[in-house]
C-alpha atoms as a PDB file:
ATOM      1  CA  UNK A   1     -20.110  83.751  32.220  1.00  0.00           C
ATOM      2  CA  UNK A   2     -18.373  84.273  35.543  1.00  0.00           C
ATOM      3  CA  UNK A   3     -16.420  81.613  37.450  1.00  0.00           C
ATOM      4  CA  UNK A   4     -19.193  80.877  39.934  1.00  0.00           C
ATOM      5  CA  UNK A   5     -21.738  80.270  37.193  1.00  0.00           C
ATOM      6  CA  UNK A   6     -19.248  78.051  35.332  1.00  0.00           C
ATOM      7  CA  UNK A   7     -18.696  76.064  38.509  1.00  0.00           C
ATOM      8  CA  UNK A   8     -22.439  75.643  39.008  1.00  0.00           C
ATOM      9  CA  UNK A   9     -22.872  74.583  35.371  1.00  0.00           C
ATOM     10  CA  UNK A  10     -20.186  71.944  35.852  1.00  0.00           C
ATOM     11  CA  UNK A  11     -21.783  70.681  39.065  1.00  0.00           C
ATOM     12  CA  UNK A  12     -25.219  70.470  37.485  1.00  0.00           C
ATOM     13  CA  UNK A  13     -23.892  68.808  34.350  1.00  0.00           C
ATOM     14  CA  UNK A  14     -25.843  71.240  32.197  1.00  0.00           C
ATOM     15  CA  UNK A  15     -26.875  74.834  31.829  1.00  0.00           C
ATOM     16  CA  UNK A  16     -28.654  76.261  34.855  1.00  0.00           C
ATOM     17  CA  UNK A  17     -31.883  78.219  34.362  1.00  0.00           C
ATOM     18  CA  UNK A  18     -31.304  81.745  32.993  1.00  0.00           C
ATOM     19  CA  UNK A  19     -32.598  83.295  36.223  1.00  0.00           C
ATOM     20  CA  UNK A  20     -29.536  81.944  38.045  1.00  0.00           C
ATOM     21  CA  UNK A  21     -27.414  84.491  36.144  1.00  0.00           C
ATOM     22  CA  UNK A  22     -29.200  87.235  38.074  1.00  0.00           C
ATOM     23  CA  UNK A  23     -28.161  85.832  41.460  1.00  0.00           C
ATOM     24  CA  UNK A  24     -25.276  87.422  43.336  1.00  0.00           C
ATOM     25  CA  UNK A  25     -21.966  85.572  42.795  1.00  0.00           C
ATOM     26  CA  UNK A  26     -21.905  84.511  46.447  1.00  0.00           C
ATOM     27  CA  UNK A  27     -25.305  82.823  46.104  1.00  0.00           C
ATOM     28  CA  UNK A  28     -24.247  81.003  42.940  1.00  0.00           C
ATOM     29  CA  UNK A  29     -21.039  79.815  44.634  1.00  0.00           C
ATOM     30  CA  UNK A  30     -23.025  78.614  47.651  1.00  0.00           C
ATOM     31  CA  UNK A  31     -25.478  76.791  45.405  1.00  0.00           C
ATOM     32  CA  UNK A  32     -22.621  75.071  43.545  1.00  0.00           C
ATOM     33  CA  UNK A  33     -21.068  74.030  46.871  1.00  0.00           C
ATOM     34  CA  UNK A  34     -24.400  72.648  48.103  1.00  0.00           C
ATOM     35  CA  UNK A  35     -24.924  70.663  44.902  1.00  0.00           C
ATOM     36  CA  UNK A  36     -21.389  69.280  45.184  1.00  0.00           C
ATOM     37  CA  UNK A  37     -21.979  68.304  48.844  1.00  0.00           C
ATOM     38  CA  UNK A  38     -25.342  66.713  48.037  1.00  0.00           C
ATOM     39  CA  UNK A  39     -23.822  64.613  45.253  1.00  0.00           C
ATOM     40  CA  UNK A  40     -20.991  63.541  47.524  1.00  0.00           C
ATOM     41  CA  UNK A  41     -23.437  62.547  50.259  1.00  0.00           C
ATOM     42  CA  UNK A  42     -25.603  60.684  47.763  1.00  0.00           C
ATOM     43  CA  UNK A  43     -22.571  58.748  46.550  1.00  0.00           C
ATOM     44  CA  UNK A  44     -21.643  57.840  50.136  1.00  0.00           C
ATOM     45  CA  UNK A  45     -25.172  56.651  50.876  1.00  0.00           C
ATOM     46  CA  UNK A  46     -25.296  54.570  47.712  1.00  0.00           C
ATOM     47  CA  UNK A  47     -21.983  52.935  48.630  1.00  0.00           C
ATOM     48  CA  UNK A  48     -23.289  52.153  52.111  1.00  0.00           C
ATOM     49  CA  UNK A  49     -26.520  50.716  50.742  1.00  0.00           C
ATOM     50  CA  UNK A  50     -24.622  48.522  48.308  1.00  0.00           C
ATOM     51  CA  UNK A  51     -22.283  47.282  51.041  1.00  0.00           C
ATOM     52  CA  UNK A  52     -25.254  46.468  53.279  1.00  0.00           C
ATOM     53  CA  UNK A  53     -26.994  44.627  50.464  1.00  0.00           C
ATOM     54  CA  UNK A  54     -23.877  42.689  49.631  1.00  0.00           C
ATOM     55  CA  UNK A  55     -23.325  41.718  53.274  1.00  0.00           C
ATOM     56  CA  UNK A  56     -26.737  40.004  53.277  1.00  0.00           C
ATOM     57  CA  UNK A  57     -25.601  37.626  50.520  1.00  0.00           C
ATOM     58  CA  UNK A  58     -23.730  34.417  51.159  1.00  0.00           C
ATOM     59  CA  UNK A  59     -19.975  34.961  51.024  1.00  0.00           C
ATOM     60  CA  UNK A  60     -19.354  32.734  47.965  1.00  0.00           C
ATOM     61  CA  UNK A  61     -21.822  34.780  45.885  1.00  0.00           C
ATOM     62  CA  UNK A  62     -20.494  38.260  46.704  1.00  0.00           C
ATOM     63  CA  UNK A  63     -17.713  38.239  44.107  1.00  0.00           C
ATOM     64  CA  UNK A  64     -20.069  36.995  41.397  1.00  0.00           C
ATOM     65  CA  UNK A  65     -22.682  39.632  42.243  1.00  0.00           C
ATOM     66  CA  UNK A  66     -20.072  42.420  42.129  1.00  0.00           C
ATOM     67  CA  UNK A  67     -18.869  41.160  38.774  1.00  0.00           C
ATOM     68  CA  UNK A  68     -22.385  41.041  37.325  1.00  0.00           C
ATOM     69  CA  UNK A  69     -23.318  44.487  38.593  1.00  0.00           C
ATOM     70  CA  UNK A  70     -20.105  46.325  37.714  1.00  0.00           C
ATOM     71  CA  UNK A  71     -18.856  44.626  34.562  1.00  0.00           C
END
């Protein structure tokens, strides 16, 4: 398995479909980069959504809600 396919496997968290092995290395590297960027963006959006949700709660409850959700 070449480096690009290993990188894609790591980004996907599992084995990619066998057909991906037939793609040119540049395409596999681009796909891995796009998956990485999409996950990063998703994480940013989830953080923003959580912050917005938390800001709608009364200040005294915010610490308790964080503790309940992330403990």
